[in-house]
């Protein structure tokens, strides 16, 4: 799946922020609000996760997995997207 490089870059910046979970979640929410399908957002996050795993960045991979849970509904109701 081709990933929009702008959102991919934004995800990377969010991962380097002081609150990466909230920042990546906000970006995912924005994507959904702008008409990107849930499955496409999950695909974007999966591509990012694979890259992070390949780079040995397990803490950041965990952040992405958390946000994937929010998008797919596997989280507390207040965090679901």
PDB file of N, CA and C in Angstrom:
ATOM      1  N   UNK A   1       0.845  -1.180   0.000  1.00  0.00           N
ATOM      2  CA  UNK A   1       0.000   0.000   0.000  1.00  0.00           C
ATOM      3  C   UNK A   1       0.888   1.241   0.000  1.00  0.00           C
ATOM      4  N   UNK A   2       0.594   2.144  -0.896  1.00  0.00           N
ATOM      5  CA  UNK A   2       1.342   3.402  -0.952  1.00  0.00           C
ATOM      6  C   UNK A   2       0.858   4.313   0.166  1.00  0.00           C
ATOM      7  N   UNK A   3       1.802   4.898   0.859  1.00  0.00           N
ATOM      8  CA  UNK A   3       1.465   5.780   1.969  1.00  0.00           C
ATOM      9  C   UNK A   3       1.733   7.215   1.552  1.00  0.00           C
ATOM     10  N   UNK A   4       0.779   8.087   1.803  1.00  0.00           N
ATOM     11  CA  UNK A   4       0.946   9.516   1.569  1.00  0.00           C
ATOM     12  C   UNK A   4       2.164   9.974   2.373  1.00  0.00           C
ATOM     13  N   UNK A   5       3.166  10.491   1.671  1.00  0.00           N
ATOM     14  CA  UNK A   5       4.416  10.862   2.345  1.00  0.00           C
ATOM     15  C   UNK A   5       4.232  11.995   3.351  1.00  0.00           C
ATOM     16  N   UNK A   6       3.257  12.880   3.108  1.00  0.00           N
ATOM     17  CA  UNK A   6       3.009  13.960   4.060  1.00  0.00           C
ATOM     18  C   UNK A   6       2.550  13.407   5.401  1.00  0.00           C
ATOM     19  N   UNK A   7       1.589  12.473   5.376  1.00  0.00           N
ATOM     20  CA  UNK A   7       1.098  11.913   6.640  1.00  0.00           C
ATOM     21  C   UNK A   7       2.173  11.033   7.269  1.00  0.00           C
ATOM     22  N   UNK A   8       2.937  10.341   6.446  1.00  0.00           N
ATOM     23  CA  UNK A   8       4.003   9.497   6.974  1.00  0.00           C
ATOM     24  C   UNK A   8       5.031  10.353   7.709  1.00  0.00           C
ATOM     25  N   UNK A   9       5.385  11.481   7.126  1.00  0.00           N
ATOM     26  CA  UNK A   9       6.317  12.420   7.758  1.00  0.00           C
ATOM     27  C   UNK A   9       5.717  12.979   9.053  1.00  0.00           C
ATOM     28  N   UNK A  10       4.434  13.307   9.011  1.00  0.00           N
ATOM     29  CA  UNK A  10       3.759  13.830  10.207  1.00  0.00           C
ATOM     30  C   UNK A  10       3.743  12.781  11.318  1.00  0.00           C
ATOM     31  N   UNK A  11       3.493  11.521  10.959  1.00  0.00           N
ATOM     32  CA  UNK A  11       3.523  10.454  11.967  1.00  0.00           C
ATOM     33  C   UNK A  11       4.903  10.379  12.616  1.00  0.00           C
ATOM     34  N   UNK A  12       5.953  10.476  11.813  1.00  0.00           N
ATOM     35  CA  UNK A  12       7.311  10.424  12.362  1.00  0.00           C
ATOM     36  C   UNK A  12       7.568  11.586  13.323  1.00  0.00           C
ATOM     37  N   UNK A  13       7.126  12.776  12.951  1.00  0.00           N
ATOM     38  CA  UNK A  13       7.295  13.923  13.841  1.00  0.00           C
ATOM     39  C   UNK A  13       6.529  13.700  15.138  1.00  0.00           C
ATOM     40  N   UNK A  14       5.318  13.166  15.038  1.00  0.00           N
ATOM     41  CA  UNK A  14       4.500  12.916  16.223  1.00  0.00           C
ATOM     42  C   UNK A  14       5.172  11.898  17.144  1.00  0.00           C
ATOM     43  N   UNK A  15       5.804  10.902  16.563  1.00  0.00           N
ATOM     44  CA  UNK A  15       6.484   9.885  17.369  1.00  0.00           C
ATOM     45  C   UNK A  15       7.646  10.465  18.161  1.00  0.00           C
ATOM     46  N   UNK A  16       8.215  11.556  17.678  1.00  0.00           N
ATOM     47  CA  UNK A  16       9.337  12.199  18.368  1.00  0.00           C
ATOM     48  C   UNK A  16       8.884  13.276  19.346  1.00  0.00           C
ATOM     49  N   UNK A  17       7.574  13.459  19.486  1.00  0.00           N
ATOM     50  CA  UNK A  17       7.047  14.492  20.374  1.00  0.00           C
ATOM     51  C   UNK A  17       7.030  13.998  21.825  1.00  0.00           C
ATOM     52  N   UNK A  18       6.831  14.906  22.781  1.00  0.00           N
ATOM     53  CA  UNK A  18       6.770  14.508  24.190  1.00  0.00           C
ATOM     54  C   UNK A  18       5.570  13.596  24.514  1.00  0.00           C
ATOM     55  N   UNK A  19       4.498  13.678  23.731  1.00  0.00           N
ATOM     56  CA  UNK A  19       3.309  12.841  23.951  1.00  0.00           C
ATOM     57  C   UNK A  19       2.963  12.106  22.662  1.00  0.00           C
ATOM     58  N   UNK A  20       3.780  11.125  22.291  1.00  0.00           N
ATOM     59  CA  UNK A  20       3.600  10.493  20.976  1.00  0.00           C
ATOM     60  C   UNK A  20       2.256   9.797  20.786  1.00  0.00           C
ATOM     61  N   UNK A  21       1.729   9.146  21.809  1.00  0.00           N
ATOM     62  CA  UNK A  21       0.457   8.443  21.644  1.00  0.00           C
ATOM     63  C   UNK A  21      -0.649   9.434  21.281  1.00  0.00           C
ATOM     64  N   UNK A  22      -0.722  10.531  22.006  1.00  0.00           N
ATOM     65  CA  UNK A  22      -1.779  11.515  21.743  1.00  0.00           C
ATOM     66  C   UNK A  22      -1.584  12.188  20.386  1.00  0.00           C
ATOM     67  N   UNK A  23      -0.351  12.471  20.027  1.00  0.00           N
ATOM     68  CA  UNK A  23      -0.083  13.149  18.753  1.00  0.00           C
ATOM     69  C   UNK A  23      -0.394  12.243  17.562  1.00  0.00           C
ATOM     70  N   UNK A  24       0.024  10.977  17.635  1.00  0.00           N
ATOM     71  CA  UNK A  24      -0.278  10.049  16.537  1.00  0.00           C
ATOM     72  C   UNK A  24      -1.786   9.800  16.475  1.00  0.00           C
ATOM     73  N   UNK A  25      -2.425   9.704  17.625  1.00  0.00           N
ATOM     74  CA  UNK A  25      -3.878   9.535  17.667  1.00  0.00           C
ATOM     75  C   UNK A  25      -4.577  10.728  17.014  1.00  0.00           C
ATOM     76  N   UNK A  26      -4.125  11.937  17.314  1.00  0.00           N
ATOM     77  CA  UNK A  26      -4.703  13.138  16.704  1.00  0.00           C
ATOM     78  C   UNK A  26      -4.561  13.118  15.184  1.00  0.00           C
ATOM     79  N   UNK A  27      -3.416  12.677  14.692  1.00  0.00           N
ATOM     80  CA  UNK A  27      -3.218  12.586  13.248  1.00  0.00           C
ATOM     81  C   UNK A  27      -4.145  11.553  12.620  1.00  0.00           C
ATOM     82  N   UNK A  28      -4.294  10.418  13.290  1.00  0.00           N
ATOM     83  CA  UNK A  28      -5.203   9.382  12.779  1.00  0.00           C
ATOM     84  C   UNK A  28      -6.634   9.910  12.760  1.00  0.00           C
ATOM     85  N   UNK A  29      -7.021  10.610  13.804  1.00  0.00           N
ATOM     86  CA  UNK A  29      -8.365  11.192  13.852  1.00  0.00           C
ATOM     87  C   UNK A  29      -8.564  12.185  12.711  1.00  0.00           C
ATOM     88  N   UNK A  30      -7.569  13.012  12.460  1.00  0.00           N
ATOM     89  CA  UNK A  30      -7.647  13.984  11.377  1.00  0.00           C
ATOM     90  C   UNK A  30      -7.816  13.291  10.031  1.00  0.00           C
ATOM     91  N   UNK A  31      -7.076  12.228   9.816  1.00  0.00           N
ATOM     92  CA  UNK A  31      -7.214  11.464   8.576  1.00  0.00           C
ATOM     93  C   UNK A  31      -8.654  10.973   8.417  1.00  0.00           C
ATOM     94  N   UNK A  32      -9.211  10.410   9.482  1.00  0.00           N
ATOM     95  CA  UNK A  32     -10.587   9.909   9.435  1.00  0.00           C
ATOM     96  C   UNK A  32     -11.578  11.039   9.159  1.00  0.00           C
ATOM     97  N   UNK A  33     -11.365  12.173   9.809  1.00  0.00           N
ATOM     98  CA  UNK A  33     -12.252  13.320   9.623  1.00  0.00           C
ATOM     99  C   UNK A  33     -12.170  13.897   8.210  1.00  0.00           C
ATOM    100  N   UNK A  34     -11.040  13.675   7.530  1.00  0.00           N
ATOM    101  CA  UNK A  34     -10.868  14.167   6.168  1.00  0.00           C
ATOM    102  C   UNK A  34     -11.252  13.119   5.129  1.00  0.00           C
ATOM    103  N   UNK A  35     -11.975  12.099   5.560  1.00  0.00           N
ATOM    104  CA  UNK A  35     -12.532  11.137   4.619  1.00  0.00           C
ATOM    105  C   UNK A  35     -11.676   9.940   4.279  1.00  0.00           C
ATOM    106  N   UNK A  36     -10.541   9.807   4.931  1.00  0.00           N
ATOM    107  CA  UNK A  36      -9.726   8.619   4.707  1.00  0.00           C
ATOM    108  C   UNK A  36     -10.409   7.464   5.433  1.00  0.00           C
ATOM    109  N   UNK A  37     -10.546   6.342   4.760  1.00  0.00           N
ATOM    110  CA  UNK A  37     -11.256   5.208   5.362  1.00  0.00           C
ATOM    111  C   UNK A  37     -10.468   4.633   6.538  1.00  0.00           C
ATOM    112  N   UNK A  38     -11.192   3.993   7.421  1.00  0.00           N
ATOM    113  CA  UNK A  38     -10.578   3.341   8.580  1.00  0.00           C
ATOM    114  C   UNK A  38      -9.518   2.331   8.129  1.00  0.00           C
ATOM    115  N   UNK A  39      -9.836   1.561   7.095  1.00  0.00           N
ATOM    116  CA  UNK A  39      -8.878   0.551   6.622  1.00  0.00           C
ATOM    117  C   UNK A  39      -7.624   1.212   6.041  1.00  0.00           C
ATOM    118  N   UNK A  40      -7.776   2.368   5.382  1.00  0.00           N
ATOM    119  CA  UNK A  40      -6.605   3.075   4.861  1.00  0.00           C
ATOM    120  C   UNK A  40      -5.737   3.615   5.995  1.00  0.00           C
ATOM    121  N   UNK A  41      -6.371   4.168   7.022  1.00  0.00           N
ATOM    122  CA  UNK A  41      -5.612   4.670   8.177  1.00  0.00           C
ATOM    123  C   UNK A  41      -4.866   3.516   8.839  1.00  0.00           C
ATOM    124  N   UNK A  42      -5.532   2.391   8.995  1.00  0.00           N
ATOM    125  CA  UNK A  42      -4.855   1.223   9.574  1.00  0.00           C
ATOM    126  C   UNK A  42      -3.695   0.781   8.688  1.00  0.00           C
ATOM    127  N   UNK A  43      -3.864   0.867   7.374  1.00  0.00           N
ATOM    128  CA  UNK A  43      -2.778   0.527   6.449  1.00  0.00           C
ATOM    129  C   UNK A  43      -1.598   1.470   6.582  1.00  0.00           C
ATOM    130  N   UNK A  44      -1.885   2.761   6.747  1.00  0.00           N
ATOM    131  CA  UNK A  44      -0.814   3.739   6.959  1.00  0.00           C
ATOM    132  C   UNK A  44      -0.044   3.406   8.225  1.00  0.00           C
ATOM    133  N   UNK A  45      -0.792   3.130   9.281  1.00  0.00           N
ATOM    134  CA  UNK A  45      -0.151   2.820  10.565  1.00  0.00           C
ATOM    135  C   UNK A  45       0.620   1.509  10.501  1.00  0.00           C
ATOM    136  N   UNK A  46       0.099   0.529   9.765  1.00  0.00           N
ATOM    137  CA  UNK A  46       0.794  -0.749   9.626  1.00  0.00           C
ATOM    138  C   UNK A  46       2.115  -0.558   8.874  1.00  0.00           C
ATOM    139  N   UNK A  47       2.114   0.253   7.836  1.00  0.00           N
ATOM    140  CA  UNK A  47       3.359   0.533   7.101  1.00  0.00           C
ATOM    141  C   UNK A  47       4.384   1.182   8.018  1.00  0.00           C
ATOM    142  N   UNK A  48       3.916   2.112   8.828  1.00  0.00           N
ATOM    143  CA  UNK A  48       4.796   2.777   9.786  1.00  0.00           C
ATOM    144  C   UNK A  48       5.328   1.775  10.810  1.00  0.00           C
ATOM    145  N   UNK A  49       4.462   0.921  11.306  1.00  0.00           N
ATOM    146  CA  UNK A  49       4.853  -0.081  12.296  1.00  0.00           C
ATOM    147  C   UNK A  49       5.938  -1.007  11.751  1.00  0.00           C
ATOM    148  N   UNK A  50       5.753  -1.440  10.516  1.00  0.00           N
ATOM    149  CA  UNK A  50       6.739  -2.328   9.884  1.00  0.00           C
ATOM    150  C   UNK A  50       8.095  -1.639   9.775  1.00  0.00           C
ATOM    151  N   UNK A  51       8.080  -0.378   9.382  1.00  0.00           N
ATOM    152  CA  UNK A  51       9.337   0.376   9.289  1.00  0.00           C
ATOM    153  C   UNK A  51      10.013   0.476  10.654  1.00  0.00           C
ATOM    154  N   UNK A  52       9.226   0.786  11.677  1.00  0.00           N
ATOM    155  CA  UNK A  52       9.774   0.938  13.029  1.00  0.00           C
ATOM    156  C   UNK A  52      10.345  -0.384  13.530  1.00  0.00           C
ATOM    157  N   UNK A  53       9.633  -1.470  13.282  1.00  0.00           N
ATOM    158  CA  UNK A  53      10.124  -2.785  13.711  1.00  0.00           C
ATOM    159  C   UNK A  53      11.457  -3.094  13.033  1.00  0.00           C
ATOM    160  N   UNK A  54      11.532  -2.811  11.737  1.00  0.00           N
ATOM    161  CA  UNK A  54      12.761  -3.062  10.985  1.00  0.00           C
ATOM    162  C   UNK A  54      13.934  -2.240  11.500  1.00  0.00           C
ATOM    163  N   UNK A  55      13.618  -1.087  12.073  1.00  0.00           N
ATOM    164  CA  UNK A  55      14.669  -0.220  12.615  1.00  0.00           C
ATOM    165  C   UNK A  55      14.954  -0.460  14.087  1.00  0.00           C
ATOM    166  N   UNK A  56      14.317  -1.477  14.670  1.00  0.00           N
ATOM    167  CA  UNK A  56      14.553  -1.782  16.081  1.00  0.00           C
ATOM    168  C   UNK A  56      14.006  -0.738  17.031  1.00  0.00           C
ATOM    169  N   UNK A  57      12.963  -0.030  16.610  1.00  0.00           N
ATOM    170  CA  UNK A  57      12.387   1.047  17.429  1.00  0.00           C
ATOM    171  C   UNK A  57      11.110   0.549  18.099  1.00  0.00           C
ATOM    172  N   UNK A  58      11.274  -0.393  19.019  1.00  0.00           N
ATOM    173  CA  UNK A  58      10.129  -1.090  19.617  1.00  0.00           C
ATOM    174  C   UNK A  58       9.220  -0.171  20.440  1.00  0.00           C
ATOM    175  N   UNK A  59       9.776   0.820  21.118  1.00  0.00           N
ATOM    176  CA  UNK A  59       8.931   1.728  21.901  1.00  0.00           C
ATOM    177  C   UNK A  59       7.997   2.514  20.989  1.00  0.00           C
ATOM    178  N   UNK A  60       8.527   2.985  19.875  1.00  0.00           N
ATOM    179  CA  UNK A  60       7.692   3.724  18.934  1.00  0.00           C
ATOM    180  C   UNK A  60       6.713   2.782  18.222  1.00  0.00           C
ATOM    181  N   UNK A  61       7.135   1.561  17.978  1.00  0.00           N
ATOM    182  CA  UNK A  61       6.224   0.571  17.399  1.00  0.00           C
ATOM    183  C   UNK A  61       5.040   0.343  18.344  1.00  0.00           C
ATOM    184  N   UNK A  62       5.296   0.289  19.642  1.00  0.00           N
ATOM    185  CA  UNK A  62       4.221   0.118  20.625  1.00  0.00           C
ATOM    186  C   UNK A  62       3.228   1.275  20.573  1.00  0.00           C
ATOM    187  N   UNK A  63       3.721   2.483  20.366  1.00  0.00           N
ATOM    188  CA  UNK A  63       2.845   3.651  20.228  1.00  0.00           C
ATOM    189  C   UNK A  63       1.904   3.441  19.041  1.00  0.00           C
ATOM    190  N   UNK A  64       2.470   3.023  17.914  1.00  0.00           N
ATOM    191  CA  UNK A  64       1.664   2.816  16.706  1.00  0.00           C
ATOM    192  C   UNK A  64       0.644   1.701  16.942  1.00  0.00           C
ATOM    193  N   UNK A  65       1.040   0.644  17.606  1.00  0.00           N
ATOM    194  CA  UNK A  65       0.100  -0.444  17.909  1.00  0.00           C
ATOM    195  C   UNK A  65      -1.049   0.055  18.789  1.00  0.00           C
ATOM    196  N   UNK A  66      -0.741   0.916  19.752  1.00  0.00           N
ATOM    197  CA  UNK A  66      -1.792   1.496  20.591  1.00  0.00           C
ATOM    198  C   UNK A  66      -2.788   2.280  19.743  1.00  0.00           C
ATOM    199  N   UNK A  67      -2.271   3.101  18.845  1.00  0.00           N
ATOM    200  CA  UNK A  67      -3.155   3.922  18.010  1.00  0.00           C
ATOM    201  C   UNK A  67      -3.958   3.033  17.054  1.00  0.00           C
ATOM    202  N   UNK A  68      -3.354   1.970  16.566  1.00  0.00           N
ATOM    203  CA  UNK A  68      -4.103   1.026  15.728  1.00  0.00           C
ATOM    204  C   UNK A  68      -5.275   0.446  16.513  1.00  0.00           C
ATOM    205  N   UNK A  69      -5.067   0.168  17.793  1.00  0.00           N
ATOM    206  CA  UNK A  69      -6.159  -0.306  18.646  1.00  0.00           C
ATOM    207  C   UNK A  69      -7.260   0.747  18.753  1.00  0.00           C
ATOM    208  N   UNK A  70      -6.885   2.012  18.878  1.00  0.00           N
ATOM    209  CA  UNK A  70      -7.884   3.086  18.971  1.00  0.00           C
ATOM    210  C   UNK A  70      -8.719   3.148  17.691  1.00  0.00           C
ATOM    211  N   UNK A  71      -8.054   3.012  16.557  1.00  0.00           N
ATOM    212  CA  UNK A  71      -8.744   3.097  15.267  1.00  0.00           C
ATOM    213  C   UNK A  71      -9.662   1.899  15.056  1.00  0.00           C
ATOM    214  N   UNK A  72      -9.216   0.732  15.480  1.00  0.00           N
ATOM    215  CA  UNK A  72     -10.014  -0.481  15.255  1.00  0.00           C
ATOM    216  C   UNK A  72     -11.057  -0.730  16.342  1.00  0.00           C
ATOM    217  N   UNK A  73     -11.024   0.077  17.421  1.00  0.00           N
ATOM    218  CA  UNK A  73     -12.032  -0.053  18.468  1.00  0.00           C
ATOM    219  C   UNK A  73     -11.639  -0.922  19.639  1.00  0.00           C
ATOM    220  N   UNK A  74     -10.404  -1.386  19.666  1.00  0.00           N
ATOM    221  CA  UNK A  74      -9.933  -2.230  20.761  1.00  0.00           C
ATOM    222  C   UNK A  74      -9.270  -1.378  21.838  1.00  0.00           C
ATOM    223  N   UNK A  75     -10.079  -0.548  22.465  1.00  0.00           N
ATOM    224  CA  UNK A  75      -9.546   0.332  23.517  1.00  0.00           C
ATOM    225  C   UNK A  75     -10.688   0.820  24.385  1.00  0.00           C
ATOM    226  N   UNK A  76     -10.350   1.569  25.407  1.00  0.00           N
ATOM    227  CA  UNK A  76     -11.369   2.205  26.227  1.00  0.00           C
ATOM    228  C   UNK A  76     -12.215   3.120  25.349  1.00  0.00           C
ATOM    229  N   UNK A  77     -13.499   3.204  25.631  1.00  0.00           N
ATOM    230  CA  UNK A  77     -14.380   4.018  24.779  1.00  0.00           C
ATOM    231  C   UNK A  77     -13.909   5.450  24.586  1.00  0.00           C
ATOM    232  N   UNK A  78     -13.309   6.058  25.605  1.00  0.00           N
ATOM    233  CA  UNK A  78     -12.892   7.455  25.463  1.00  0.00           C
ATOM    234  C   UNK A  78     -11.686   7.633  24.539  1.00  0.00           C
ATOM    235  N   UNK A  79     -10.987   6.558  24.212  1.00  0.00           N
ATOM    236  CA  UNK A  79      -9.837   6.663  23.315  1.00  0.00           C
ATOM    237  C   UNK A  79     -10.139   6.182  21.893  1.00  0.00           C
ATOM    238  N   UNK A  80     -11.278   5.535  21.696  1.00  0.00           N
ATOM    239  CA  UNK A  80     -11.628   5.018  20.363  1.00  0.00           C
ATOM    240  C   UNK A  80     -11.817   6.154  19.376  1.00  0.00           C
ATOM    241  N   UNK A  81     -11.480   5.863  18.140  1.00  0.00           N
ATOM    242  CA  UNK A  81     -11.661   6.845  17.055  1.00  0.00           C
ATOM    243  C   UNK A  81     -12.766   6.367  16.130  1.00  0.00           C
TER     244      UNK A  81
END
